[in-house]
PDB file of N, CA and C in Angstrom:
ATOM      1  N   MET A   1      65.204  37.506  47.435  1.00  0.00           N
ATOM      2  CA  MET A   1      64.310  38.242  47.330  1.00  0.00           C
ATOM      3  C   MET A   1      63.233  37.678  48.588  1.00  0.00           C
ATOM      4  N   ALA A   2      63.289  36.473  48.645  1.00  0.00           N
ATOM      5  CA  ALA A   2      62.239  35.956  49.674  1.00  0.00           C
ATOM      6  C   ALA A   2      63.008  36.087  51.151  1.00  0.00           C
ATOM      7  N   GLU A   3      64.199  35.986  51.124  1.00  0.00           N
ATOM      8  CA  GLU A   3      64.705  36.235  52.546  1.00  0.00           C
ATOM      9  C   GLU A   3      64.642  37.604  52.892  1.00  0.00           C
ATOM     10  N   LYS A   4      64.903  38.684  51.884  1.00  0.00           N
ATOM     11  CA  LYS A   4      64.435  40.070  52.332  1.00  0.00           C
ATOM     12  C   LYS A   4      63.163  40.128  53.020  1.00  0.00           C
ATOM     13  N   ALA A   5      62.054  39.816  52.509  1.00  0.00           N
ATOM     14  CA  ALA A   5      60.654  39.748  52.879  1.00  0.00           C
ATOM     15  C   ALA A   5      60.492  39.091  54.088  1.00  0.00           C
ATOM     16  N   GLU A   6      61.320  38.086  54.571  1.00  0.00           N
ATOM     17  CA  GLU A   6      60.996  37.280  55.781  1.00  0.00           C
ATOM     18  C   GLU A   6      61.661  38.087  56.936  1.00  0.00           C
ATOM     19  N   ASP A   7      62.925  38.699  56.723  1.00  0.00           N
ATOM     20  CA  ASP A   7      63.606  39.619  57.686  1.00  0.00           C
ATOM     21  C   ASP A   7      63.093  40.842  58.003  1.00  0.00           C
ATOM     22  N   GLU A   8      62.108  41.345  57.248  1.00  0.00           N
ATOM     23  CA  GLU A   8      61.555  42.714  57.431  1.00  0.00           C
ATOM     24  C   GLU A   8      60.047  42.757  57.440  1.00  0.00           C
ATOM     25  N   ALA A   9      59.575  43.526  58.415  1.00  0.00           N
ATOM     26  CA  ALA A   9      58.047  43.919  58.396  1.00  0.00           C
ATOM     27  C   ALA A   9      57.872  45.199  57.869  1.00  0.00           C
ATOM     28  N   GLU A  10      56.602  45.356  57.472  1.00  0.00           N
ATOM     29  CA  GLU A  10      56.381  46.989  57.030  1.00  0.00           C
ATOM     30  C   GLU A  10      55.440  47.567  57.939  1.00  0.00           C
ATOM     31  N   ILE A  11      55.526  48.717  58.062  1.00  0.00           N
ATOM     32  CA  ILE A  11      54.845  49.666  58.833  1.00  0.00           C
ATOM     33  C   ILE A  11      54.146  50.635  57.833  1.00  0.00           C
ATOM     34  N   ALA A  12      52.815  50.970  58.095  1.00  0.00           N
ATOM     35  CA  ALA A  12      52.050  52.076  57.363  1.00  0.00           C
ATOM     36  C   ALA A  12      52.049  53.192  58.184  1.00  0.00           C
ATOM     37  N   ILE A  13      52.427  54.185  57.974  1.00  0.00           N
ATOM     38  CA  ILE A  13      52.275  55.545  58.762  1.00  0.00           C
ATOM     39  C   ILE A  13      51.519  56.487  57.895  1.00  0.00           C
ATOM     40  N   GLU A  14      50.215  56.885  58.392  1.00  0.00           N
ATOM     41  CA  GLU A  14      49.445  57.576  57.702  1.00  0.00           C
ATOM     42  C   GLU A  14      49.884  59.020  57.859  1.00  0.00           C
ATOM     43  N   GLU A  15      50.301  59.834  56.547  1.00  0.00           N
ATOM     44  CA  GLU A  15      50.368  61.169  56.551  1.00  0.00           C
ATOM     45  C   GLU A  15      49.179  62.001  56.431  1.00  0.00           C
ATOM     46  N   SER A  16      48.242  61.579  55.644  1.00  0.00           N
ATOM     47  CA  SER A  16      47.005  62.201  55.259  1.00  0.00           C
ATOM     48  C   SER A  16      45.987  61.309  55.116  1.00  0.00           C
ATOM     49  N   GLU A  17      44.866  61.489  55.088  1.00  0.00           N
ATOM     50  CA  GLU A  17      43.694  60.662  54.503  1.00  0.00           C
ATOM     51  C   GLU A  17      44.101  59.962  53.210  1.00  0.00           C
ATOM     52  N   ASP A  18      44.611  60.627  52.229  1.00  0.00           N
ATOM     53  CA  ASP A  18      44.756  59.998  50.966  1.00  0.00           C
ATOM     54  C   ASP A  18      46.145  59.105  50.635  1.00  0.00           C
ATOM     55  N   SER A  19      47.229  59.333  51.493  1.00  0.00           N
ATOM     56  CA  SER A  19      48.428  58.693  50.993  1.00  0.00           C
ATOM     57  C   SER A  19      48.917  58.191  52.270  1.00  0.00           C
ATOM     58  N   GLU A  20      49.569  57.100  52.070  1.00  0.00           N
ATOM     59  CA  GLU A  20      50.263  56.409  53.311  1.00  0.00           C
ATOM     60  C   GLU A  20      51.680  56.141  52.805  1.00  0.00           C
ATOM     61  N   GLU A  21      52.498  56.322  54.015  1.00  0.00           N
ATOM     62  CA  GLU A  21      54.124  55.894  53.639  1.00  0.00           C
ATOM     63  C   GLU A  21      54.368  54.475  54.493  1.00  0.00           C
ATOM     64  N   TRP A  22      55.181  53.831  53.634  1.00  0.00           N
ATOM     65  CA  TRP A  22      55.530  52.479  54.191  1.00  0.00           C
ATOM     66  C   TRP A  22      56.899  52.433  54.612  1.00  0.00           C
ATOM     67  N   VAL A  23      57.279  51.983  55.812  1.00  0.00           N
ATOM     68  CA  VAL A  23      58.493  51.995  56.461  1.00  0.00           C
ATOM     69  C   VAL A  23      58.694  50.705  56.756  1.00  0.00           C
ATOM     70  N   ARG A  24      60.086  50.130  56.503  1.00  0.00           N
ATOM     71  CA  ARG A  24      60.466  48.722  56.791  1.00  0.00           C
ATOM     72  C   ARG A  24      61.139  48.593  58.152  1.00  0.00           C
ATOM     73  N   VAL A  25      60.875  47.470  58.695  1.00  0.00           N
ATOM     74  CA  VAL A  25      61.426  47.245  60.087  1.00  0.00           C
ATOM     75  C   VAL A  25      62.266  46.002  59.843  1.00  0.00           C
ATOM     76  N   PRO A  26      63.304  46.193  60.454  1.00  0.00           N
ATOM     77  CA  PRO A  26      64.130  44.889  60.119  1.00  0.00           C
ATOM     78  C   PRO A  26      63.800  43.837  61.419  1.00  0.00           C
ATOM     79  N   LEU A  27      63.783  42.569  61.076  1.00  0.00           N
ATOM     80  CA  LEU A  27      63.642  41.666  62.023  1.00  0.00           C
ATOM     81  C   LEU A  27      64.809  40.657  62.359  1.00  0.00           C
ATOM     82  N   PRO A  28      64.992  40.062  63.656  1.00  0.00           N
ATOM     83  CA  PRO A  28      66.165  39.145  63.775  1.00  0.00           C
ATOM     84  C   PRO A  28      66.435  38.185  62.744  1.00  0.00           C
ATOM     85  N   ARG A  29      67.357  37.833  62.344  1.00  0.00           N
ATOM     86  CA  ARG A  29      67.782  36.870  61.363  1.00  0.00           C
ATOM     87  C   ARG A  29      68.215  35.714  62.161  1.00  0.00           C
ATOM     88  N   ARG A  30      67.099  34.715  62.316  1.00  0.00           N
ATOM     89  CA  ARG A  30      67.326  33.399  63.130  1.00  0.00           C
ATOM     90  C   ARG A  30      68.301  32.544  62.586  1.00  0.00           C
ATOM     91  N   ARG A  31      68.622  32.592  61.317  1.00  0.00           N
ATOM     92  CA  ARG A  31      69.601  31.635  60.764  1.00  0.00           C
ATOM     93  C   ARG A  31      70.877  32.144  61.176  1.00  0.00           C
ATOM     94  N   GLU A  32      71.212  33.381  61.364  1.00  0.00           N
ATOM     95  CA  GLU A  32      72.538  33.975  61.950  1.00  0.00           C
ATOM     96  C   GLU A  32      72.733  33.683  63.598  1.00  0.00           C
ATOM     97  N   GLY A  33      71.465  33.395  64.141  1.00  0.00           N
ATOM     98  CA  GLY A  33      71.595  33.419  65.626  1.00  0.00           C
ATOM     99  C   GLY A  33      71.002  34.760  66.316  1.00  0.00           C
ATOM    100  N   GLU A  34      70.437  35.636  65.626  1.00  0.00           N
ATOM    101  CA  GLU A  34      69.882  36.948  66.106  1.00  0.00           C
ATOM    102  C   GLU A  34      68.802  36.884  67.075  1.00  0.00           C
ATOM    103  N   ILE A  35      68.449  37.361  68.058  1.00  0.00           N
ATOM    104  CA  ILE A  35      67.331  37.416  69.007  1.00  0.00           C
ATOM    105  C   ILE A  35      66.831  38.819  69.353  1.00  0.00           C
ATOM    106  N   PHE A  36      65.585  38.837  69.806  1.00  0.00           N
ATOM    107  CA  PHE A  36      65.307  40.176  70.464  1.00  0.00           C
ATOM    108  C   PHE A  36      65.780  40.230  71.862  1.00  0.00           C
ATOM    109  N   ALA A  37      66.063  41.401  72.458  1.00  0.00           N
ATOM    110  CA  ALA A  37      66.497  41.568  73.731  1.00  0.00           C
ATOM    111  C   ALA A  37      65.781  43.002  74.311  1.00  0.00           C
ATOM    112  N   VAL A  38      66.002  43.278  75.367  1.00  0.00           N
ATOM    113  CA  VAL A  38      65.623  44.676  75.945  1.00  0.00           C
ATOM    114  C   VAL A  38      66.798  45.005  76.860  1.00  0.00           C
ATOM    115  N   ALA A  39      66.960  46.300  76.889  1.00  0.00           N
ATOM    116  CA  ALA A  39      68.190  46.935  77.592  1.00  0.00           C
ATOM    117  C   ALA A  39      67.715  47.105  78.916  1.00  0.00           C
ATOM    118  N   GLU A  40      68.361  46.449  80.014  1.00  0.00           N
ATOM    119  CA  GLU A  40      68.118  46.595  81.254  1.00  0.00           C
ATOM    120  C   GLU A  40      68.985  47.640  82.095  1.00  0.00           C
ATOM    121  N   GLN A  41      70.187  47.618  81.797  1.00  0.00           N
ATOM    122  CA  GLN A  41      71.315  48.523  82.516  1.00  0.00           C
ATOM    123  C   GLN A  41      72.138  49.065  81.675  1.00  0.00           C
ATOM    124  N   LEU A  42      72.659  50.205  81.745  1.00  0.00           N
ATOM    125  CA  LEU A  42      73.753  50.842  81.145  1.00  0.00           C
ATOM    126  C   LEU A  42      74.884  50.691  81.831  1.00  0.00           C
ATOM    127  N   LEU A  43      75.884  50.103  81.328  1.00  0.00           N
ATOM    128  CA  LEU A  43      77.177  49.649  82.199  1.00  0.00           C
ATOM    129  C   LEU A  43      78.385  50.750  81.717  1.00  0.00           C
ATOM    130  N   GLY A  44      78.353  51.619  80.961  1.00  0.00           N
ATOM    131  CA  GLY A  44      79.394  52.474  80.568  1.00  0.00           C
ATOM    132  C   GLY A  44      80.358  51.673  79.467  1.00  0.00           C
ATOM    133  N   GLY A  45      81.321  52.492  78.870  1.00  0.00           N
ATOM    134  CA  GLY A  45      82.252  51.756  78.077  1.00  0.00           C
ATOM    135  C   GLY A  45      81.675  50.867  76.883  1.00  0.00           C
ATOM    136  N   SER A  46      80.445  51.560  76.238  1.00  0.00           N
ATOM    137  CA  SER A  46      79.847  50.766  75.243  1.00  0.00           C
ATOM    138  C   SER A  46      79.302  49.389  75.666  1.00  0.00           C
ATOM    139  N   ARG A  47      78.863  49.286  76.686  1.00  0.00           N
ATOM    140  CA  ARG A  47      78.398  47.977  77.187  1.00  0.00           C
ATOM    141  C   ARG A  47      77.014  48.016  77.917  1.00  0.00           C
ATOM    142  N   ILE A  48      76.058  47.311  77.596  1.00  0.00           N
ATOM    143  CA  ILE A  48      74.914  47.273  78.232  1.00  0.00           C
ATOM    144  C   ILE A  48      74.275  45.943  78.840  1.00  0.00           C
ATOM    145  N   LYS A  49      73.763  45.774  79.883  1.00  0.00           N
ATOM    146  CA  LYS A  49      73.272  44.407  80.295  1.00  0.00           C
ATOM    147  C   LYS A  49      71.763  44.448  79.693  1.00  0.00           C
ATOM    148  N   VAL A  50      71.743  43.386  78.916  1.00  0.00           N
ATOM    149  CA  VAL A  50      70.269  43.170  78.261  1.00  0.00           C
ATOM    150  C   VAL A  50      69.780  41.663  78.689  1.00  0.00           C
ATOM    151  N   MET A  51      68.270  41.690  78.554  1.00  0.00           N
ATOM    152  CA  MET A  51      67.582  40.537  78.986  1.00  0.00           C
ATOM    153  C   MET A  51      67.139  40.065  77.697  1.00  0.00           C
ATOM    154  N   CYS A  52      67.548  38.906  77.332  1.00  0.00           N
ATOM    155  CA  CYS A  52      67.062  38.221  75.872  1.00  0.00           C
ATOM    156  C   CYS A  52      66.036  37.464  75.901  1.00  0.00           C
ATOM    157  N   GLU A  53      65.355  37.101  74.816  1.00  0.00           N
ATOM    158  CA  GLU A  53      64.130  36.349  74.686  1.00  0.00           C
ATOM    159  C   GLU A  53      64.238  34.836  75.156  1.00  0.00           C
ATOM    160  N   ASP A  54      65.568  34.305  75.190  1.00  0.00           N
ATOM    161  CA  ASP A  54      65.689  33.074  75.808  1.00  0.00           C
ATOM    162  C   ASP A  54      65.772  33.046  77.267  1.00  0.00           C
ATOM    163  N   GLY A  55      65.610  34.127  77.750  1.00  0.00           N
ATOM    164  CA  GLY A  55      65.591  34.155  79.543  1.00  0.00           C
ATOM    165  C   GLY A  55      66.998  34.364  80.022  1.00  0.00           C
ATOM    166  N   VAL A  56      67.898  34.542  79.215  1.00  0.00           N
ATOM    167  CA  VAL A  56      69.389  34.643  79.687  1.00  0.00           C
ATOM    168  C   VAL A  56      69.717  36.136  79.729  1.00  0.00           C
ATOM    169  N   THR A  57      70.245  36.825  80.835  1.00  0.00           N
ATOM    170  CA  THR A  57      70.845  37.999  80.935  1.00  0.00           C
ATOM    171  C   THR A  57      72.223  38.165  80.519  1.00  0.00           C
ATOM    172  N   ARG A  58      72.450  38.872  79.381  1.00  0.00           N
ATOM    173  CA  ARG A  58      73.808  39.004  78.836  1.00  0.00           C
ATOM    174  C   ARG A  58      74.458  40.344  78.882  1.00  0.00           C
ATOM    175  N   MET A  59      75.874  40.356  78.732  1.00  0.00           N
ATOM    176  CA  MET A  59      76.406  41.668  78.814  1.00  0.00           C
ATOM    177  C   MET A  59      76.440  41.915  77.133  1.00  0.00           C
ATOM    178  N   GLY A  60      75.799  43.160  76.816  1.00  0.00           N
ATOM    179  CA  GLY A  60      75.871  43.519  75.270  1.00  0.00           C
ATOM    180  C   GLY A  60      76.936  44.552  74.885  1.00  0.00           C
ATOM    181  N   ARG A  61      77.474  44.276  73.985  1.00  0.00           N
ATOM    182  CA  ARG A  61      78.289  45.245  73.327  1.00  0.00           C
ATOM    183  C   ARG A  61      77.988  46.083  72.118  1.00  0.00           C
ATOM    184  N   ILE A  62      77.952  47.298  72.206  1.00  0.00           N
ATOM    185  CA  ILE A  62      77.768  48.127  71.150  1.00  0.00           C
ATOM    186  C   ILE A  62      78.643  48.163  70.003  1.00  0.00           C
ATOM    187  N   ARG A  63      78.220  47.624  69.039  1.00  0.00           N
ATOM    188  CA  ARG A  63      79.172  47.714  67.800  1.00  0.00           C
ATOM    189  C   ARG A  63      79.656  49.089  67.471  1.00  0.00           C
ATOM    190  N   GLY A  64      80.855  49.250  66.937  1.00  0.00           N
ATOM    191  CA  GLY A  64      81.442  50.561  66.383  1.00  0.00           C
ATOM    192  C   GLY A  64      80.516  51.259  65.474  1.00  0.00           C
ATOM    193  N   LYS A  65      79.929  50.451  64.557  1.00  0.00           N
ATOM    194  CA  LYS A  65      78.899  51.148  63.717  1.00  0.00           C
ATOM    195  C   LYS A  65      77.550  51.885  64.201  1.00  0.00           C
ATOM    196  N   LEU A  66      77.232  51.326  65.551  1.00  0.00           N
ATOM    197  CA  LEU A  66      76.146  51.993  66.229  1.00  0.00           C
ATOM    198  C   LEU A  66      76.418  52.784  67.171  1.00  0.00           C
ATOM    199  N   ARG A  67      77.763  52.886  67.554  1.00  0.00           N
ATOM    200  CA  ARG A  67      78.335  53.805  68.937  1.00  0.00           C
ATOM    201  C   ARG A  67      77.691  54.979  68.843  1.00  0.00           C
ATOM    202  N   LYS A  68      77.883  55.898  67.929  1.00  0.00           N
ATOM    203  CA  LYS A  68      77.534  57.242  68.048  1.00  0.00           C
ATOM    204  C   LYS A  68      76.279  57.597  67.098  1.00  0.00           C
ATOM    205  N   ARG A  69      75.951  56.524  66.507  1.00  0.00           N
ATOM    206  CA  ARG A  69      74.615  56.925  65.588  1.00  0.00           C
ATOM    207  C   ARG A  69      73.409  56.621  66.334  1.00  0.00           C
ATOM    208  N   MET A  70      73.373  55.548  67.030  1.00  0.00           N
ATOM    209  CA  MET A  70      72.036  55.183  67.758  1.00  0.00           C
ATOM    210  C   MET A  70      72.228  55.358  69.344  1.00  0.00           C
ATOM    211  N   TRP A  71      71.966  56.160  70.067  1.00  0.00           N
ATOM    212  CA  TRP A  71      72.116  56.162  71.448  1.00  0.00           C
ATOM    213  C   TRP A  71      71.006  55.224  72.065  1.00  0.00           C
ATOM    214  N   MET A  72      71.484  54.347  72.962  1.00  0.00           N
ATOM    215  CA  MET A  72      70.828  53.241  73.820  1.00  0.00           C
ATOM    216  C   MET A  72      70.294  53.806  75.166  1.00  0.00           C
ATOM    217  N   ARG A  73      69.132  53.488  75.499  1.00  0.00           N
ATOM    218  CA  ARG A  73      68.325  53.805  76.818  1.00  0.00           C
ATOM    219  C   ARG A  73      67.762  52.476  77.383  1.00  0.00           C
ATOM    220  N   VAL A  74      67.793  52.653  78.698  1.00  0.00           N
ATOM    221  CA  VAL A  74      67.146  51.410  79.424  1.00  0.00           C
ATOM    222  C   VAL A  74      65.605  51.218  78.963  1.00  0.00           C
ATOM    223  N   GLY A  75      65.302  50.109  78.639  1.00  0.00           N
ATOM    224  CA  GLY A  75      63.976  49.839  78.186  1.00  0.00           C
ATOM    225  C   GLY A  75      63.787  49.804  76.649  1.00  0.00           C
ATOM    226  N   ASP A  76      64.913  49.928  75.854  1.00  0.00           N
ATOM    227  CA  ASP A  76      64.806  49.996  74.311  1.00  0.00           C
ATOM    228  C   ASP A  76      64.747  48.417  73.929  1.00  0.00           C
ATOM    229  N   LEU A  77      64.085  48.244  72.836  1.00  0.00           N
ATOM    230  CA  LEU A  77      64.064  46.791  72.229  1.00  0.00           C
ATOM    231  C   LEU A  77      65.115  46.889  71.236  1.00  0.00           C
ATOM    232  N   LEU A  78      65.853  45.588  71.484  1.00  0.00           N
ATOM    233  CA  LEU A  78      67.082  45.598  70.661  1.00  0.00           C
ATOM    234  C   LEU A  78      67.030  44.150  69.773  1.00  0.00           C
ATOM    235  N   ILE A  79      68.052  44.208  68.779  1.00  0.00           N
ATOM    236  CA  ILE A  79      68.356  42.845  68.034  1.00  0.00           C
ATOM    237  C   ILE A  79      69.832  42.643  68.446  1.00  0.00           C
ATOM    238  N   VAL A  80      69.998  41.556  69.202  1.00  0.00           N
ATOM    239  CA  VAL A  80      71.279  41.024  69.515  1.00  0.00           C
ATOM    240  C   VAL A  80      71.702  39.728  69.108  1.00  0.00           C
ATOM    241  N   ARG A  81      73.000  39.376  68.892  1.00  0.00           N
ATOM    242  CA  ARG A  81      73.524  38.251  68.409  1.00  0.00           C
ATOM    243  C   ARG A  81      74.457  37.567  69.527  1.00  0.00           C
ATOM    244  N   PRO A  82      74.045  36.598  70.370  1.00  0.00           N
ATOM    245  CA  PRO A  82      74.899  36.004  71.268  1.00  0.00           C
ATOM    246  C   PRO A  82      76.360  35.667  70.628  1.00  0.00           C
ATOM    247  N   TRP A  83      77.265  35.519  71.456  1.00  0.00           N
ATOM    248  CA  TRP A  83      78.549  35.053  71.021  1.00  0.00           C
ATOM    249  C   TRP A  83      78.567  33.522  71.170  1.00  0.00           C
ATOM    250  N   GLU A  84      79.303  32.979  69.896  1.00  0.00           N
ATOM    251  CA  GLU A  84      79.263  31.406  69.970  1.00  0.00           C
ATOM    252  C   GLU A  84      80.227  30.960  70.919  1.00  0.00           C
ATOM    253  N   PHE A  85      81.310  31.781  71.447  1.00  0.00           N
ATOM    254  CA  PHE A  85      82.451  31.032  72.325  1.00  0.00           C
ATOM    255  C   PHE A  85      82.134  31.575  73.870  1.00  0.00           C
ATOM    256  N   GLN A  86      81.291  32.511  74.005  1.00  0.00           N
ATOM    257  CA  GLN A  86      80.858  33.121  75.241  1.00  0.00           C
ATOM    258  C   GLN A  86      79.665  33.340  75.390  1.00  0.00           C
ATOM    259  N   ASP A  87      78.626  32.436  75.902  1.00  0.00           N
ATOM    260  CA  ASP A  87      77.092  32.693  75.754  1.00  0.00           C
ATOM    261  C   ASP A  87      76.784  33.810  76.825  1.00  0.00           C
ATOM    262  N   GLU A  88      77.488  34.244  77.692  1.00  0.00           N
ATOM    263  CA  GLU A  88      77.003  35.384  78.516  1.00  0.00           C
ATOM    264  C   GLU A  88      77.176  36.736  77.892  1.00  0.00           C
ATOM    265  N   LYS A  89      77.565  36.733  76.728  1.00  0.00           N
ATOM    266  CA  LYS A  89      78.062  38.029  76.026  1.00  0.00           C
ATOM    267  C   LYS A  89      77.349  38.130  74.572  1.00  0.00           C
ATOM    268  N   ALA A  90      77.019  39.310  74.204  1.00  0.00           N
ATOM    269  CA  ALA A  90      76.408  39.431  72.865  1.00  0.00           C
ATOM    270  C   ALA A  90      76.612  40.729  72.247  1.00  0.00           C
ATOM    271  N   ASP A  91      76.566  40.773  70.782  1.00  0.00           N
ATOM    272  CA  ASP A  91      76.695  41.981  70.126  1.00  0.00           C
ATOM    273  C   ASP A  91      75.322  42.599  69.834  1.00  0.00           C
ATOM    274  N   ILE A  92      75.229  43.984  70.129  1.00  0.00           N
ATOM    275  CA  ILE A  92      74.010  44.756  69.503  1.00  0.00           C
ATOM    276  C   ILE A  92      73.882  44.978  68.296  1.00  0.00           C
ATOM    277  N   ARG A  93      73.121  44.566  67.375  1.00  0.00           N
ATOM    278  CA  ARG A  93      73.044  44.652  66.087  1.00  0.00           C
ATOM    279  C   ARG A  93      72.093  45.816  65.647  1.00  0.00           C
ATOM    280  N   TYR A  94      71.121  46.185  66.539  1.00  0.00           N
ATOM    281  CA  TYR A  94      69.966  47.016  65.959  1.00  0.00           C
ATOM    282  C   TYR A  94      69.274  47.620  67.168  1.00  0.00           C
ATOM    283  N   ARG A  95      68.857  49.048  67.208  1.00  0.00           N
ATOM    284  CA  ARG A  95      67.942  49.516  68.071  1.00  0.00           C
ATOM    285  C   ARG A  95      66.745  49.881  67.730  1.00  0.00           C
ATOM    286  N   TYR A  96      65.430  49.441  68.021  1.00  0.00           N
ATOM    287  CA  TYR A  96      64.333  49.710  67.559  1.00  0.00           C
ATOM    288  C   TYR A  96      63.787  51.129  68.134  1.00  0.00           C
ATOM    289  N   THR A  97      62.983  51.869  67.463  1.00  0.00           N
ATOM    290  CA  THR A  97      62.512  53.275  67.992  1.00  0.00           C
ATOM    291  C   THR A  97      61.187  52.892  68.644  1.00  0.00           C
ATOM    292  N   LYS A  98      60.710  53.596  69.609  1.00  0.00           N
ATOM    293  CA  LYS A  98      59.466  53.279  70.227  1.00  0.00           C
ATOM    294  C   LYS A  98      58.329  53.044  69.228  1.00  0.00           C
ATOM    295  N   THR A  99      58.091  53.740  68.005  1.00  0.00           N
ATOM    296  CA  THR A  99      57.275  53.484  67.214  1.00  0.00           C
ATOM    297  C   THR A  99      57.292  51.994  66.544  1.00  0.00           C
ATOM    298  N   GLN A 100      58.354  51.829  66.339  1.00  0.00           N
ATOM    299  CA  GLN A 100      58.742  50.168  65.750  1.00  0.00           C
ATOM    300  C   GLN A 100      58.255  49.314  66.715  1.00  0.00           C
ATOM    301  N   SER A 101      58.847  49.408  67.961  1.00  0.00           N
ATOM    302  CA  SER A 101      58.594  48.646  68.953  1.00  0.00           C
ATOM    303  C   SER A 101      57.048  48.277  69.386  1.00  0.00           C
ATOM    304  N   THR A 102      56.313  49.403  69.335  1.00  0.00           N
ATOM    305  CA  THR A 102      54.759  49.344  69.735  1.00  0.00           C
ATOM    306  C   THR A 102      54.282  48.527  68.282  1.00  0.00           C
ATOM    307  N   TYR A 103      54.713  48.844  67.264  1.00  0.00           N
ATOM    308  CA  TYR A 103      54.076  48.220  66.147  1.00  0.00           C
ATOM    309  C   TYR A 103      54.291  46.524  66.227  1.00  0.00           C
ATOM    310  N   LEU A 104      55.478  46.163  66.391  1.00  0.00           N
ATOM    311  CA  LEU A 104      56.048  45.091  66.614  1.00  0.00           C
ATOM    312  C   LEU A 104      55.142  44.114  67.905  1.00  0.00           C
ATOM    313  N   SER A 105      54.919  44.771  68.900  1.00  0.00           N
ATOM    314  CA  SER A 105      54.170  44.347  69.968  1.00  0.00           C
ATOM    315  C   SER A 105      52.764  43.999  69.641  1.00  0.00           C
ATOM    316  N   ARG A 106      52.190  45.065  68.856  1.00  0.00           N
ATOM    317  CA  ARG A 106      50.861  44.819  68.397  1.00  0.00           C
ATOM    318  C   ARG A 106      50.496  43.831  67.452  1.00  0.00           C
ATOM    319  N   LYS A 107      51.536  43.606  66.602  1.00  0.00           N
ATOM    320  CA  LYS A 107      51.331  42.460  65.722  1.00  0.00           C
ATOM    321  C   LYS A 107      51.811  41.079  66.272  1.00  0.00           C
ATOM    322  N   GLY A 108      52.267  41.076  67.613  1.00  0.00           N
ATOM    323  CA  GLY A 108      52.466  39.838  68.301  1.00  0.00           C
ATOM    324  C   GLY A 108      53.751  39.130  67.814  1.00  0.00           C
ATOM    325  N   MET A 109      54.831  40.058  67.279  1.00  0.00           N
ATOM    326  CA  MET A 109      56.029  39.444  66.728  1.00  0.00           C
ATOM    327  C   MET A 109      57.377  39.373  67.835  1.00  0.00           C
ATOM    328  N   ILE A 110      56.953  40.003  68.909  1.00  0.00           N
ATOM    329  CA  ILE A 110      57.875  39.998  70.063  1.00  0.00           C
ATOM    330  C   ILE A 110      57.539  38.972  71.062  1.00  0.00           C
ATOM    331  N   PRO A 111      58.395  38.068  71.610  1.00  0.00           N
ATOM    332  CA  PRO A 111      58.043  37.044  72.532  1.00  0.00           C
ATOM    333  C   PRO A 111      57.580  37.617  73.979  1.00  0.00           C
ATOM    334  N   GLU A 112      56.762  37.018  74.694  1.00  0.00           N
ATOM    335  CA  GLU A 112      56.299  37.790  75.835  1.00  0.00           C
ATOM    336  C   GLU A 112      57.341  38.118  76.879  1.00  0.00           C
ATOM    337  N   ILE A 113      58.484  37.550  76.949  1.00  0.00           N
ATOM    338  CA  ILE A 113      59.534  37.569  78.046  1.00  0.00           C
ATOM    339  C   ILE A 113      60.145  38.912  77.850  1.00  0.00           C
ATOM    340  N   VAL A 114      60.069  39.489  76.537  1.00  0.00           N
ATOM    341  CA  VAL A 114      60.762  40.741  76.407  1.00  0.00           C
ATOM    342  C   VAL A 114      59.836  41.817  75.792  1.00  0.00           C
ATOM    343  N   ASP A 115      58.533  41.604  75.792  1.00  0.00           N
ATOM    344  CA  ASP A 115      57.397  42.416  75.499  1.00  0.00           C
ATOM    345  C   ASP A 115      57.280  43.322  76.493  1.00  0.00           C
ATOM    346  N   ILE A 116      57.645  44.490  76.684  1.00  0.00           N
ATOM    347  CA  ILE A 116      57.138  45.424  77.763  1.00  0.00           C
ATOM    348  C   ILE A 116      56.382  46.669  77.159  1.00  0.00           C
ATOM    349  N   PHE A 117      55.947  46.636  75.807  1.00  0.00           N
ATOM    350  CA  PHE A 117      55.508  47.679  75.183  1.00  0.00           C
ATOM    351  C   PHE A 117      54.032  47.406  74.881  1.00  0.00           C
TER     352      PHE A 117
END
């Protein structure tokens, strides 16, 4: 239970004055090597050039699970996991919406190198 709370942040979206809706936002799992990144260039063939929070530009591969479900655009905030055997490549794990990105930016959860929101 403590792991789940550590890996997710909550967003309160006001529907009206009386009620609020809570939305969970996944954060990178640092123990698994996941980090924040920003999409720089679409390369085609399910590949994207990404700028990671550690300052390295990598070629990101969109996993099959996300390929048709979440369309990627230049400037999107992503969670990526660099490959262990080729450091210049990474798997894209998650794409944040603009609302989620601005929330994380306001809360100071995004490192400055990738904070363009």
